[in-house]
């Protein structure tokens, strides 16, 4: 069975993600901020790897962001930046100010970069 371009591209991203995960670990003091990028959406989660627990997450499908997207006609990159800000605000409410950024095997560019910059603007340090 021949490998398709789609499966090899997906496997390459997973391999990159595993390579990043060797060095990046989340602790209770400094959880890991994981991003996932699909074709249309972005998602971020704060993970404590010592307990193997997701503290909380946020997607661009959140009701607050959905209203902004439909009302203002923002691009996917702008929505990603706002999602990062909103995630940072919720993290600060729970007392989390420092995180470790896990880009998930994606290139630090475009929506992934916008999400990270939005989280920094919202008050997270990484």
PDB file of N, CA and C in Angstrom:
ATOM      1  N   UNK A   1       0.838  -1.176   0.000  1.00  0.00           N
ATOM      2  CA  UNK A   1       0.000   0.000   0.000  1.00  0.00           C
ATOM      3  C   UNK A   1       0.887   1.245   0.000  1.00  0.00           C
ATOM      4  N   UNK A   2       0.656   2.108  -0.944  1.00  0.00           N
ATOM      5  CA  UNK A   2       1.469   3.310  -1.073  1.00  0.00           C
ATOM      6  C   UNK A   2       1.053   4.360  -0.061  1.00  0.00           C
ATOM      7  N   UNK A   3       2.035   5.053   0.473  1.00  0.00           N
ATOM      8  CA  UNK A   3       1.737   6.133   1.409  1.00  0.00           C
ATOM      9  C   UNK A   3       1.259   7.348   0.625  1.00  0.00           C
ATOM     10  N   UNK A   4       0.215   7.961   1.114  1.00  0.00           N
ATOM     11  CA  UNK A   4      -0.258   9.175   0.470  1.00  0.00           C
ATOM     12  C   UNK A   4       0.450  10.364   1.077  1.00  0.00           C
ATOM     13  N   UNK A   5       0.377  11.474   0.380  1.00  0.00           N
ATOM     14  CA  UNK A   5       1.021  12.684   0.870  1.00  0.00           C
ATOM     15  C   UNK A   5       0.395  13.124   2.192  1.00  0.00           C
ATOM     16  N   UNK A   6      -0.917  12.941   2.321  1.00  0.00           N
ATOM     17  CA  UNK A   6      -1.610  13.348   3.542  1.00  0.00           C
ATOM     18  C   UNK A   6      -1.102  12.575   4.752  1.00  0.00           C
ATOM     19  N   UNK A   7      -1.006  11.263   4.644  1.00  0.00           N
ATOM     20  CA  UNK A   7      -0.574  10.489   5.806  1.00  0.00           C
ATOM     21  C   UNK A   7       0.885  10.761   6.140  1.00  0.00           C
ATOM     22  N   UNK A   8       1.728  10.907   5.154  1.00  0.00           N
ATOM     23  CA  UNK A   8       3.128  11.167   5.468  1.00  0.00           C
ATOM     24  C   UNK A   8       3.283  12.549   6.091  1.00  0.00           C
ATOM     25  N   UNK A   9       2.535  13.537   5.626  1.00  0.00           N
ATOM     26  CA  UNK A   9       2.613  14.879   6.194  1.00  0.00           C
ATOM     27  C   UNK A   9       2.147  14.860   7.655  1.00  0.00           C
ATOM     28  N   UNK A  10       1.066  14.140   7.927  1.00  0.00           N
ATOM     29  CA  UNK A  10       0.539  14.025   9.292  1.00  0.00           C
ATOM     30  C   UNK A  10       1.549  13.318  10.200  1.00  0.00           C
ATOM     31  N   UNK A  11       2.132  12.258   9.698  1.00  0.00           N
ATOM     32  CA  UNK A  11       3.120  11.522  10.485  1.00  0.00           C
ATOM     33  C   UNK A  11       4.360  12.368  10.750  1.00  0.00           C
ATOM     34  N   UNK A  12       4.746  13.176   9.790  1.00  0.00           N
ATOM     35  CA  UNK A  12       5.893  14.049  10.002  1.00  0.00           C
ATOM     36  C   UNK A  12       5.620  15.047  11.125  1.00  0.00           C
ATOM     37  N   UNK A  13       4.396  15.611  11.181  1.00  0.00           N
ATOM     38  CA  UNK A  13       4.042  16.546  12.241  1.00  0.00           C
ATOM     39  C   UNK A  13       4.054  15.843  13.597  1.00  0.00           C
ATOM     40  N   UNK A  14       3.524  14.625  13.638  1.00  0.00           N
ATOM     41  CA  UNK A  14       3.500  13.874  14.896  1.00  0.00           C
ATOM     42  C   UNK A  14       4.920  13.587  15.369  1.00  0.00           C
ATOM     43  N   UNK A  15       5.796  13.237  14.444  1.00  0.00           N
ATOM     44  CA  UNK A  15       7.194  12.990  14.813  1.00  0.00           C
ATOM     45  C   UNK A  15       7.847  14.255  15.355  1.00  0.00           C
ATOM     46  N   UNK A  16       7.568  15.405  14.722  1.00  0.00           N
ATOM     47  CA  UNK A  16       8.109  16.667  15.225  1.00  0.00           C
ATOM     48  C   UNK A  16       7.566  16.971  16.617  1.00  0.00           C
ATOM     49  N   UNK A  17       6.256  16.695  16.812  1.00  0.00           N
ATOM     50  CA  UNK A  17       5.651  16.950  18.115  1.00  0.00           C
ATOM     51  C   UNK A  17       6.299  16.083  19.195  1.00  0.00           C
ATOM     52  N   UNK A  18       6.531  14.825  18.900  1.00  0.00           N
ATOM     53  CA  UNK A  18       7.181  13.944  19.870  1.00  0.00           C
ATOM     54  C   UNK A  18       8.606  14.402  20.175  1.00  0.00           C
ATOM     55  N   UNK A  19       9.272  14.932  19.177  1.00  0.00           N
ATOM     56  CA  UNK A  19      10.630  15.426  19.377  1.00  0.00           C
ATOM     57  C   UNK A  19      10.620  16.651  20.305  1.00  0.00           C
ATOM     58  N   UNK A  20       9.631  17.522  20.132  1.00  0.00           N
ATOM     59  CA  UNK A  20       9.503  18.685  21.006  1.00  0.00           C
ATOM     60  C   UNK A  20       9.143  18.240  22.417  1.00  0.00           C
ATOM     61  N   UNK A  21       8.290  17.229  22.536  1.00  0.00           N
ATOM     62  CA  UNK A  21       7.813  16.761  23.843  1.00  0.00           C
ATOM     63  C   UNK A  21       8.913  16.129  24.690  1.00  0.00           C
ATOM     64  N   UNK A  22      10.009  15.709  24.059  1.00  0.00           N
ATOM     65  CA  UNK A  22      11.129  15.181  24.840  1.00  0.00           C
ATOM     66  C   UNK A  22      11.707  16.250  25.755  1.00  0.00           C
ATOM     67  N   UNK A  23      11.649  17.504  25.309  1.00  0.00           N
ATOM     68  CA  UNK A  23      12.277  18.598  26.036  1.00  0.00           C
ATOM     69  C   UNK A  23      11.287  19.436  26.839  1.00  0.00           C
ATOM     70  N   UNK A  24      10.012  19.420  26.457  1.00  0.00           N
ATOM     71  CA  UNK A  24       9.021  20.305  27.068  1.00  0.00           C
ATOM     72  C   UNK A  24       8.113  19.498  27.987  1.00  0.00           C
ATOM     73  N   UNK A  25       8.101  19.848  29.273  1.00  0.00           N
ATOM     74  CA  UNK A  25       7.238  19.194  30.251  1.00  0.00           C
ATOM     75  C   UNK A  25       6.495  20.241  31.056  1.00  0.00           C
ATOM     76  N   UNK A  26       5.240  19.947  31.358  1.00  0.00           N
ATOM     77  CA  UNK A  26       4.443  20.840  32.179  1.00  0.00           C
ATOM     78  C   UNK A  26       4.449  20.389  33.623  1.00  0.00           C
ATOM     79  N   UNK A  27       4.545  21.324  34.534  1.00  0.00           N
ATOM     80  CA  UNK A  27       4.524  21.040  35.969  1.00  0.00           C
ATOM     81  C   UNK A  27       3.335  21.793  36.580  1.00  0.00           C
ATOM     82  N   UNK A  28       3.006  21.513  37.836  1.00  0.00           N
ATOM     83  CA  UNK A  28       1.923  22.293  38.459  1.00  0.00           C
ATOM     84  C   UNK A  28       2.238  23.789  38.524  1.00  0.00           C
ATOM     85  N   UNK A  29       3.513  24.138  38.720  1.00  0.00           N
ATOM     86  CA  UNK A  29       3.896  25.551  38.775  1.00  0.00           C
ATOM     87  C   UNK A  29       3.910  26.189  37.396  1.00  0.00           C
ATOM     88  N   UNK A  30       4.272  25.406  36.402  1.00  0.00           N
ATOM     89  CA  UNK A  30       4.420  25.926  35.043  1.00  0.00           C
ATOM     90  C   UNK A  30       3.847  24.910  34.056  1.00  0.00           C
ATOM     91  N   UNK A  31       2.519  24.946  33.829  1.00  0.00           N
ATOM     92  CA  UNK A  31       1.901  23.963  32.933  1.00  0.00           C
ATOM     93  C   UNK A  31       2.302  24.172  31.476  1.00  0.00           C
ATOM     94  N   UNK A  32       2.046  23.169  30.687  1.00  0.00           N
ATOM     95  CA  UNK A  32       2.382  23.192  29.261  1.00  0.00           C
ATOM     96  C   UNK A  32       1.182  23.732  28.487  1.00  0.00           C
ATOM     97  N   UNK A  33       1.409  24.742  27.661  1.00  0.00           N
ATOM     98  CA  UNK A  33       0.373  25.297  26.788  1.00  0.00           C
ATOM     99  C   UNK A  33       0.502  24.619  25.434  1.00  0.00           C
ATOM    100  N   UNK A  34      -0.429  23.721  25.142  1.00  0.00           N
ATOM    101  CA  UNK A  34      -0.407  22.940  23.910  1.00  0.00           C
ATOM    102  C   UNK A  34      -1.349  23.582  22.907  1.00  0.00           C
ATOM    103  N   UNK A  35      -0.915  23.730  21.667  1.00  0.00           N
ATOM    104  CA  UNK A  35      -1.803  24.247  20.625  1.00  0.00           C
ATOM    105  C   UNK A  35      -2.083  23.160  19.610  1.00  0.00           C
ATOM    106  N   UNK A  36      -3.291  23.199  19.080  1.00  0.00           N
ATOM    107  CA  UNK A  36      -3.687  22.320  17.981  1.00  0.00           C
ATOM    108  C   UNK A  36      -4.288  23.203  16.904  1.00  0.00           C
ATOM    109  N   UNK A  37      -3.842  23.016  15.690  1.00  0.00           N
ATOM    110  CA  UNK A  37      -4.318  23.820  14.575  1.00  0.00           C
ATOM    111  C   UNK A  37      -4.971  22.911  13.553  1.00  0.00           C
ATOM    112  N   UNK A  38      -6.253  23.141  13.308  1.00  0.00           N
ATOM    113  CA  UNK A  38      -6.910  22.427  12.223  1.00  0.00           C
ATOM    114  C   UNK A  38      -7.009  23.390  11.048  1.00  0.00           C
ATOM    115  N   UNK A  39      -7.677  22.979  10.016  1.00  0.00           N
ATOM    116  CA  UNK A  39      -7.788  23.830   8.834  1.00  0.00           C
ATOM    117  C   UNK A  39      -8.554  25.107   9.133  1.00  0.00           C
ATOM    118  N   UNK A  40      -9.548  25.019  10.016  1.00  0.00           N
ATOM    119  CA  UNK A  40     -10.398  26.178  10.285  1.00  0.00           C
ATOM    120  C   UNK A  40     -10.328  26.690  11.710  1.00  0.00           C
ATOM    121  N   UNK A  41      -9.876  25.894  12.671  1.00  0.00           N
ATOM    122  CA  UNK A  41      -9.936  26.267  14.076  1.00  0.00           C
ATOM    123  C   UNK A  41      -8.571  26.162  14.746  1.00  0.00           C
ATOM    124  N   UNK A  42      -8.472  26.791  15.925  1.00  0.00           N
ATOM    125  CA  UNK A  42      -7.304  26.674  16.798  1.00  0.00           C
ATOM    126  C   UNK A  42      -7.799  26.259  18.173  1.00  0.00           C
ATOM    127  N   UNK A  43      -6.967  25.517  18.875  1.00  0.00           N
ATOM    128  CA  UNK A  43      -7.325  25.082  20.213  1.00  0.00           C
ATOM    129  C   UNK A  43      -6.076  25.150  21.081  1.00  0.00           C
ATOM    130  N   UNK A  44      -6.260  25.567  22.321  1.00  0.00           N
ATOM    131  CA  UNK A  44      -5.164  25.605  23.275  1.00  0.00           C
ATOM    132  C   UNK A  44      -5.586  24.951  24.570  1.00  0.00           C
ATOM    133  N   UNK A  45      -4.658  24.222  25.194  1.00  0.00           N
ATOM    134  CA  UNK A  45      -4.937  23.557  26.463  1.00  0.00           C
ATOM    135  C   UNK A  45      -3.759  23.761  27.396  1.00  0.00           C
ATOM    136  N   UNK A  46      -4.057  23.885  28.679  1.00  0.00           N
ATOM    137  CA  UNK A  46      -3.019  23.905  29.694  1.00  0.00           C
ATOM    138  C   UNK A  46      -2.989  22.530  30.353  1.00  0.00           C
ATOM    139  N   UNK A  47      -1.801  21.907  30.335  1.00  0.00           N
ATOM    140  CA  UNK A  47      -1.661  20.523  30.788  1.00  0.00           C
ATOM    141  C   UNK A  47      -0.599  20.439  31.877  1.00  0.00           C
ATOM    142  N   UNK A  48      -0.941  19.705  32.932  1.00  0.00           N
ATOM    143  CA  UNK A  48       0.010  19.377  33.995  1.00  0.00           C
ATOM    144  C   UNK A  48       0.473  17.946  33.732  1.00  0.00           C
ATOM    145  N   UNK A  49       1.701  17.783  33.266  1.00  0.00           N
ATOM    146  CA  UNK A  49       2.200  16.461  32.882  1.00  0.00           C
ATOM    147  C   UNK A  49       2.537  15.577  34.081  1.00  0.00           C
ATOM    148  N   UNK A  50       2.753  16.160  35.247  1.00  0.00           N
ATOM    149  CA  UNK A  50       3.058  15.318  36.401  1.00  0.00           C
ATOM    150  C   UNK A  50       1.838  14.506  36.826  1.00  0.00           C
ATOM    151  N   UNK A  51       0.650  15.076  36.659  1.00  0.00           N
ATOM    152  CA  UNK A  51      -0.587  14.361  36.972  1.00  0.00           C
ATOM    153  C   UNK A  51      -1.278  13.820  35.738  1.00  0.00           C
ATOM    154  N   UNK A  52      -0.730  14.113  34.563  1.00  0.00           N
ATOM    155  CA  UNK A  52      -1.361  13.753  33.282  1.00  0.00           C
ATOM    156  C   UNK A  52      -2.783  14.286  33.223  1.00  0.00           C
ATOM    157  N   UNK A  53      -2.935  15.569  33.566  1.00  0.00           N
ATOM    158  CA  UNK A  53      -4.263  16.169  33.632  1.00  0.00           C
ATOM    159  C   UNK A  53      -4.310  17.457  32.825  1.00  0.00           C
ATOM    160  N   UNK A  54      -5.401  17.622  32.099  1.00  0.00           N
ATOM    161  CA  UNK A  54      -5.656  18.871  31.407  1.00  0.00           C
ATOM    162  C   UNK A  54      -6.346  19.807  32.383  1.00  0.00           C
ATOM    163  N   UNK A  55      -5.752  20.974  32.615  1.00  0.00           N
ATOM    164  CA  UNK A  55      -6.334  21.931  33.553  1.00  0.00           C
ATOM    165  C   UNK A  55      -7.569  22.590  32.945  1.00  0.00           C
ATOM    166  N   UNK A  56      -7.426  23.101  31.748  1.00  0.00           N
ATOM    167  CA  UNK A  56      -8.562  23.608  30.980  1.00  0.00           C
ATOM    168  C   UNK A  56      -8.091  23.930  29.572  1.00  0.00           C
ATOM    169  N   UNK A  57      -9.038  24.141  28.698  1.00  0.00           N
ATOM    170  CA  UNK A  57      -8.715  24.427  27.317  1.00  0.00           C
ATOM    171  C   UNK A  57      -9.674  25.443  26.736  1.00  0.00           C
ATOM    172  N   UNK A  58      -9.322  25.922  25.545  1.00  0.00           N
ATOM    173  CA  UNK A  58     -10.140  26.904  24.864  1.00  0.00           C
ATOM    174  C   UNK A  58      -9.981  26.703  23.366  1.00  0.00           C
ATOM    175  N   UNK A  59     -11.064  26.841  22.652  1.00  0.00           N
ATOM    176  CA  UNK A  59     -11.052  26.703  21.206  1.00  0.00           C
ATOM    177  C   UNK A  59     -11.589  27.985  20.581  1.00  0.00           C
ATOM    178  N   UNK A  60     -11.334  28.170  19.304  1.00  0.00           N
ATOM    179  CA  UNK A  60     -11.907  29.315  18.605  1.00  0.00           C
ATOM    180  C   UNK A  60     -13.404  29.132  18.401  1.00  0.00           C
ATOM    181  N   UNK A  61     -13.927  27.975  18.781  1.00  0.00           N
ATOM    182  CA  UNK A  61     -15.366  27.741  18.729  1.00  0.00           C
ATOM    183  C   UNK A  61     -16.061  28.197  20.005  1.00  0.00           C
ATOM    184  N   UNK A  62     -15.325  28.754  20.961  1.00  0.00           N
ATOM    185  CA  UNK A  62     -15.923  29.248  22.203  1.00  0.00           C
ATOM    186  C   UNK A  62     -16.970  30.306  21.874  1.00  0.00           C
ATOM    187  N   UNK A  63     -18.052  30.359  22.630  1.00  0.00           N
ATOM    188  CA  UNK A  63     -19.135  31.298  22.317  1.00  0.00           C
ATOM    189  C   UNK A  63     -18.678  32.755  22.239  1.00  0.00           C
ATOM    190  N   UNK A  64     -17.749  33.178  23.114  1.00  0.00           N
ATOM    191  CA  UNK A  64     -17.284  34.568  23.088  1.00  0.00           C
ATOM    192  C   UNK A  64     -16.586  34.890  21.770  1.00  0.00           C
ATOM    193  N   UNK A  65     -15.791  33.958  21.285  1.00  0.00           N
ATOM    194  CA  UNK A  65     -15.049  34.177  20.050  1.00  0.00           C
ATOM    195  C   UNK A  65     -15.931  34.005  18.827  1.00  0.00           C
ATOM    196  N   UNK A  66     -16.907  33.129  18.916  1.00  0.00           N
ATOM    197  CA  UNK A  66     -17.814  32.907  17.794  1.00  0.00           C
ATOM    198  C   UNK A  66     -18.606  34.181  17.503  1.00  0.00           C
ATOM    199  N   UNK A  67     -19.016  34.889  18.562  1.00  0.00           N
ATOM    200  CA  UNK A  67     -19.749  36.139  18.384  1.00  0.00           C
ATOM    201  C   UNK A  67     -18.869  37.185  17.713  1.00  0.00           C
ATOM    202  N   UNK A  68     -17.619  37.274  18.142  1.00  0.00           N
ATOM    203  CA  UNK A  68     -16.697  38.252  17.552  1.00  0.00           C
ATOM    204  C   UNK A  68     -16.430  37.947  16.083  1.00  0.00           C
ATOM    205  N   UNK A  69     -16.251  36.650  15.795  1.00  0.00           N
ATOM    206  CA  UNK A  69     -15.917  36.264  14.424  1.00  0.00           C
ATOM    207  C   UNK A  69     -17.052  36.597  13.474  1.00  0.00           C
ATOM    208  N   UNK A  70     -18.277  36.263  13.857  1.00  0.00           N
ATOM    209  CA  UNK A  70     -19.403  36.500  12.960  1.00  0.00           C
ATOM    210  C   UNK A  70     -19.743  37.986  12.883  1.00  0.00           C
ATOM    211  N   UNK A  71     -19.602  38.707  13.994  1.00  0.00           N
ATOM    212  CA  UNK A  71     -19.970  40.118  14.015  1.00  0.00           C
ATOM    213  C   UNK A  71     -18.969  41.016  13.331  1.00  0.00           C
ATOM    214  N   UNK A  72     -17.694  40.760  13.536  1.00  0.00           N
ATOM    215  CA  UNK A  72     -16.661  41.658  13.028  1.00  0.00           C
ATOM    216  C   UNK A  72     -16.014  41.173  11.740  1.00  0.00           C
ATOM    217  N   UNK A  73     -16.251  39.929  11.354  1.00  0.00           N
ATOM    218  CA  UNK A  73     -15.660  39.406  10.133  1.00  0.00           C
ATOM    219  C   UNK A  73     -14.146  39.310  10.200  1.00  0.00           C
ATOM    220  N   UNK A  74     -13.603  38.778  11.298  1.00  0.00           N
ATOM    221  CA  UNK A  74     -12.157  38.695  11.491  1.00  0.00           C
ATOM    222  C   UNK A  74     -11.565  37.505  10.744  1.00  0.00           C
ATOM    223  N   UNK A  75     -10.269  37.586  10.483  1.00  0.00           N
ATOM    224  CA  UNK A  75      -9.585  36.475   9.837  1.00  0.00           C
ATOM    225  C   UNK A  75      -9.259  35.396  10.865  1.00  0.00           C
ATOM    226  N   UNK A  76      -8.844  34.231  10.381  1.00  0.00           N
ATOM    227  CA  UNK A  76      -8.496  33.127  11.281  1.00  0.00           C
ATOM    228  C   UNK A  76      -7.316  33.503  12.178  1.00  0.00           C
ATOM    229  N   UNK A  77      -6.377  34.268  11.648  1.00  0.00           N
ATOM    230  CA  UNK A  77      -5.209  34.678  12.429  1.00  0.00           C
ATOM    231  C   UNK A  77      -5.623  35.634  13.551  1.00  0.00           C
ATOM    232  N   UNK A  78      -6.506  36.575  13.244  1.00  0.00           N
ATOM    233  CA  UNK A  78      -6.966  37.516  14.263  1.00  0.00           C
ATOM    234  C   UNK A  78      -7.765  36.802  15.346  1.00  0.00           C
ATOM    235  N   UNK A  79      -8.593  35.841  14.947  1.00  0.00           N
ATOM    236  CA  UNK A  79      -9.353  35.056  15.916  1.00  0.00           C
ATOM    237  C   UNK A  79      -8.392  34.257  16.800  1.00  0.00           C
ATOM    238  N   UNK A  80      -7.325  33.714  16.218  1.00  0.00           N
ATOM    239  CA  UNK A  80      -6.344  32.951  16.993  1.00  0.00           C
ATOM    240  C   UNK A  80      -5.684  33.825  18.050  1.00  0.00           C
ATOM    241  N   UNK A  81      -5.360  35.055  17.691  1.00  0.00           N
ATOM    242  CA  UNK A  81      -4.758  35.986  18.654  1.00  0.00           C
ATOM    243  C   UNK A  81      -5.730  36.253  19.803  1.00  0.00           C
ATOM    244  N   UNK A  82      -6.998  36.461  19.490  1.00  0.00           N
ATOM    245  CA  UNK A  82      -7.991  36.717  20.536  1.00  0.00           C
ATOM    246  C   UNK A  82      -8.208  35.479  21.406  1.00  0.00           C
ATOM    247  N   UNK A  83      -8.123  34.296  20.792  1.00  0.00           N
ATOM    248  CA  UNK A  83      -8.253  33.056  21.564  1.00  0.00           C
ATOM    249  C   UNK A  83      -7.099  32.940  22.554  1.00  0.00           C
ATOM    250  N   UNK A  84      -5.897  33.302  22.139  1.00  0.00           N
ATOM    251  CA  UNK A  84      -4.748  33.284  23.038  1.00  0.00           C
ATOM    252  C   UNK A  84      -4.929  34.245  24.202  1.00  0.00           C
ATOM    253  N   UNK A  85      -5.445  35.445  23.906  1.00  0.00           N
ATOM    254  CA  UNK A  85      -5.699  36.421  24.970  1.00  0.00           C
ATOM    255  C   UNK A  85      -6.727  35.889  25.962  1.00  0.00           C
ATOM    256  N   UNK A  86      -7.806  35.311  25.447  1.00  0.00           N
ATOM    257  CA  UNK A  86      -8.871  34.798  26.311  1.00  0.00           C
ATOM    258  C   UNK A  86      -8.369  33.641  27.177  1.00  0.00           C
ATOM    259  N   UNK A  87      -7.555  32.771  26.584  1.00  0.00           N
ATOM    260  CA  UNK A  87      -6.979  31.667  27.347  1.00  0.00           C
ATOM    261  C   UNK A  87      -6.089  32.204  28.469  1.00  0.00           C
ATOM    262  N   UNK A  88      -5.304  33.234  28.161  1.00  0.00           N
ATOM    263  CA  UNK A  88      -4.417  33.820  29.165  1.00  0.00           C
ATOM    264  C   UNK A  88      -5.216  34.459  30.298  1.00  0.00           C
ATOM    265  N   UNK A  89      -6.311  35.124  29.965  1.00  0.00           N
ATOM    266  CA  UNK A  89      -7.146  35.739  30.996  1.00  0.00           C
ATOM    267  C   UNK A  89      -7.715  34.670  31.923  1.00  0.00           C
ATOM    268  N   UNK A  90      -8.199  33.575  31.356  1.00  0.00           N
ATOM    269  CA  UNK A  90      -8.760  32.499  32.175  1.00  0.00           C
ATOM    270  C   UNK A  90      -7.679  31.827  33.015  1.00  0.00           C
ATOM    271  N   UNK A  91      -6.480  31.725  32.467  1.00  0.00           N
ATOM    272  CA  UNK A  91      -5.371  31.131  33.228  1.00  0.00           C
ATOM    273  C   UNK A  91      -5.007  32.021  34.411  1.00  0.00           C
ATOM    274  N   UNK A  92      -4.976  33.325  34.194  1.00  0.00           N
ATOM    275  CA  UNK A  92      -4.644  34.244  35.279  1.00  0.00           C
ATOM    276  C   UNK A  92      -5.702  34.224  36.367  1.00  0.00           C
ATOM    277  N   UNK A  93      -6.963  34.011  35.985  1.00  0.00           N
ATOM    278  CA  UNK A  93      -8.029  33.893  36.987  1.00  0.00           C
ATOM    279  C   UNK A  93      -7.787  32.683  37.892  1.00  0.00           C
ATOM    280  N   UNK A  94      -7.168  31.625  37.346  1.00  0.00           N
ATOM    281  CA  UNK A  94      -6.890  30.417  38.124  1.00  0.00           C
ATOM    282  C   UNK A  94      -5.522  30.481  38.797  1.00  0.00           C
ATOM    283  N   UNK A  95      -4.828  31.620  38.650  1.00  0.00           N
ATOM    284  CA  UNK A  95      -3.549  31.800  39.327  1.00  0.00           C
ATOM    285  C   UNK A  95      -2.347  31.306  38.534  1.00  0.00           C
ATOM    286  N   UNK A  96      -2.499  31.081  37.251  1.00  0.00           N
ATOM    287  CA  UNK A  96      -1.393  30.609  36.415  1.00  0.00           C
ATOM    288  C   UNK A  96      -0.856  31.795  35.622  1.00  0.00           C
ATOM    289  N   UNK A  97       0.432  32.083  35.800  1.00  0.00           N
ATOM    290  CA  UNK A  97       1.038  33.196  35.077  1.00  0.00           C
ATOM    291  C   UNK A  97       2.191  32.744  34.180  1.00  0.00           C
ATOM    292  N   UNK A  98       2.799  31.601  34.496  1.00  0.00           N
ATOM    293  CA  UNK A  98       3.938  31.112  33.710  1.00  0.00           C
ATOM    294  C   UNK A  98       3.587  29.770  33.098  1.00  0.00           C
ATOM    295  N   UNK A  99       3.894  29.605  31.813  1.00  0.00           N
ATOM    296  CA  UNK A  99       3.634  28.352  31.105  1.00  0.00           C
ATOM    297  C   UNK A  99       4.834  28.002  30.236  1.00  0.00           C
ATOM    298  N   UNK A 100       4.825  26.779  29.732  1.00  0.00           N
ATOM    299  CA  UNK A 100       5.798  26.330  28.756  1.00  0.00           C
ATOM    300  C   UNK A 100       5.028  26.141  27.458  1.00  0.00           C
ATOM    301  N   UNK A 101       5.502  26.702  26.358  1.00  0.00           N
ATOM    302  CA  UNK A 101       4.766  26.657  25.099  1.00  0.00           C
ATOM    303  C   UNK A 101       5.147  25.405  24.314  1.00  0.00           C
ATOM    304  N   UNK A 102       4.130  24.656  23.905  1.00  0.00           N
ATOM    305  CA  UNK A 102       4.305  23.456  23.081  1.00  0.00           C
ATOM    306  C   UNK A 102       3.586  23.715  21.760  1.00  0.00           C
ATOM    307  N   UNK A 103       4.349  23.921  20.712  1.00  0.00           N
ATOM    308  CA  UNK A 103       3.764  24.287  19.429  1.00  0.00           C
ATOM    309  C   UNK A 103       3.146  23.104  18.709  1.00  0.00           C
ATOM    310  N   UNK A 104       3.260  21.917  19.253  1.00  0.00           N
ATOM    311  CA  UNK A 104       2.571  20.757  18.707  1.00  0.00           C
ATOM    312  C   UNK A 104       3.104  20.260  17.381  1.00  0.00           C
ATOM    313  N   UNK A 105       4.363  20.535  17.081  1.00  0.00           N
ATOM    314  CA  UNK A 105       4.931  20.082  15.818  1.00  0.00           C
ATOM    315  C   UNK A 105       4.664  21.022  14.663  1.00  0.00           C
ATOM    316  N   UNK A 106       3.926  22.091  14.918  1.00  0.00           N
ATOM    317  CA  UNK A 106       3.639  23.078  13.866  1.00  0.00           C
ATOM    318  C   UNK A 106       4.764  24.103  13.821  1.00  0.00           C
ATOM    319  N   UNK A 107       4.956  24.708  12.676  1.00  0.00           N
ATOM    320  CA  UNK A 107       5.943  25.766  12.536  1.00  0.00           C
ATOM    321  C   UNK A 107       5.455  26.985  13.311  1.00  0.00           C
ATOM    322  N   UNK A 108       6.339  27.661  14.010  1.00  0.00           N
ATOM    323  CA  UNK A 108       5.976  28.855  14.775  1.00  0.00           C
ATOM    324  C   UNK A 108       5.799  30.004  13.793  1.00  0.00           C
ATOM    325  N   UNK A 109       4.616  30.041  13.191  1.00  0.00           N
ATOM    326  CA  UNK A 109       4.336  30.997  12.130  1.00  0.00           C
ATOM    327  C   UNK A 109       2.823  31.093  11.974  1.00  0.00           C
ATOM    328  N   UNK A 110       2.334  32.210  11.536  1.00  0.00           N
ATOM    329  CA  UNK A 110       0.914  32.342  11.231  1.00  0.00           C
ATOM    330  C   UNK A 110       0.030  32.266  12.454  1.00  0.00           C
ATOM    331  N   UNK A 111      -0.944  31.350  12.425  1.00  0.00           N
ATOM    332  CA  UNK A 111      -1.928  31.253  13.500  1.00  0.00           C
ATOM    333  C   UNK A 111      -1.319  30.761  14.808  1.00  0.00           C
ATOM    334  N   UNK A 112      -0.329  29.884  14.734  1.00  0.00           N
ATOM    335  CA  UNK A 112       0.327  29.394  15.952  1.00  0.00           C
ATOM    336  C   UNK A 112       1.061  30.557  16.628  1.00  0.00           C
ATOM    337  N   UNK A 113       1.756  31.353  15.848  1.00  0.00           N
ATOM    338  CA  UNK A 113       2.466  32.513  16.381  1.00  0.00           C
ATOM    339  C   UNK A 113       1.481  33.543  16.934  1.00  0.00           C
ATOM    340  N   UNK A 114       0.372  33.764  16.224  1.00  0.00           N
ATOM    341  CA  UNK A 114      -0.636  34.723  16.688  1.00  0.00           C
ATOM    342  C   UNK A 114      -1.242  34.274  18.013  1.00  0.00           C
ATOM    343  N   UNK A 115      -1.504  32.971  18.158  1.00  0.00           N
ATOM    344  CA  UNK A 115      -2.048  32.434  19.404  1.00  0.00           C
ATOM    345  C   UNK A 115      -1.072  32.682  20.546  1.00  0.00           C
ATOM    346  N   UNK A 116       0.210  32.413  20.306  1.00  0.00           N
ATOM    347  CA  UNK A 116       1.233  32.605  21.341  1.00  0.00           C
ATOM    348  C   UNK A 116       1.365  34.078  21.712  1.00  0.00           C
ATOM    349  N   UNK A 117       1.362  34.955  20.724  1.00  0.00           N
ATOM    350  CA  UNK A 117       1.479  36.384  21.007  1.00  0.00           C
ATOM    351  C   UNK A 117       0.255  36.894  21.762  1.00  0.00           C
ATOM    352  N   UNK A 118      -0.920  36.378  21.411  1.00  0.00           N
ATOM    353  CA  UNK A 118      -2.128  36.750  22.138  1.00  0.00           C
ATOM    354  C   UNK A 118      -2.059  36.315  23.589  1.00  0.00           C
ATOM    355  N   UNK A 119      -1.520  35.118  23.840  1.00  0.00           N
ATOM    356  CA  UNK A 119      -1.373  34.638  25.217  1.00  0.00           C
ATOM    357  C   UNK A 119      -0.393  35.517  25.986  1.00  0.00           C
ATOM    358  N   UNK A 120       0.666  35.962  25.318  1.00  0.00           N
ATOM    359  CA  UNK A 120       1.620  36.865  25.975  1.00  0.00           C
ATOM    360  C   UNK A 120       0.959  38.205  26.288  1.00  0.00           C
ATOM    361  N   UNK A 121       0.164  38.713  25.338  1.00  0.00           N
ATOM    362  CA  UNK A 121      -0.542  39.969  25.572  1.00  0.00           C
ATOM    363  C   UNK A 121      -1.529  39.841  26.729  1.00  0.00           C
ATOM    364  N   UNK A 122      -2.101  38.654  26.879  1.00  0.00           N
ATOM    365  CA  UNK A 122      -3.050  38.415  27.954  1.00  0.00           C
ATOM    366  C   UNK A 122      -2.400  38.272  29.323  1.00  0.00           C
ATOM    367  N   UNK A 123      -1.069  38.159  29.370  1.00  0.00           N
ATOM    368  CA  UNK A 123      -0.376  38.136  30.651  1.00  0.00           C
ATOM    369  C   UNK A 123       0.373  36.865  30.975  1.00  0.00           C
ATOM    370  N   UNK A 124       0.430  35.899  30.061  1.00  0.00           N
ATOM    371  CA  UNK A 124       1.210  34.697  30.334  1.00  0.00           C
ATOM    372  C   UNK A 124       2.669  34.920  29.982  1.00  0.00           C
ATOM    373  N   UNK A 125       3.541  34.303  30.754  1.00  0.00           N
ATOM    374  CA  UNK A 125       4.984  34.384  30.500  1.00  0.00           C
ATOM    375  C   UNK A 125       5.467  33.026  29.997  1.00  0.00           C
ATOM    376  N   UNK A 126       6.167  33.042  28.867  1.00  0.00           N
ATOM    377  CA  UNK A 126       6.856  31.851  28.374  1.00  0.00           C
ATOM    378  C   UNK A 126       7.925  32.232  27.393  1.00  0.00           C
TER     379      UNK A 126
END
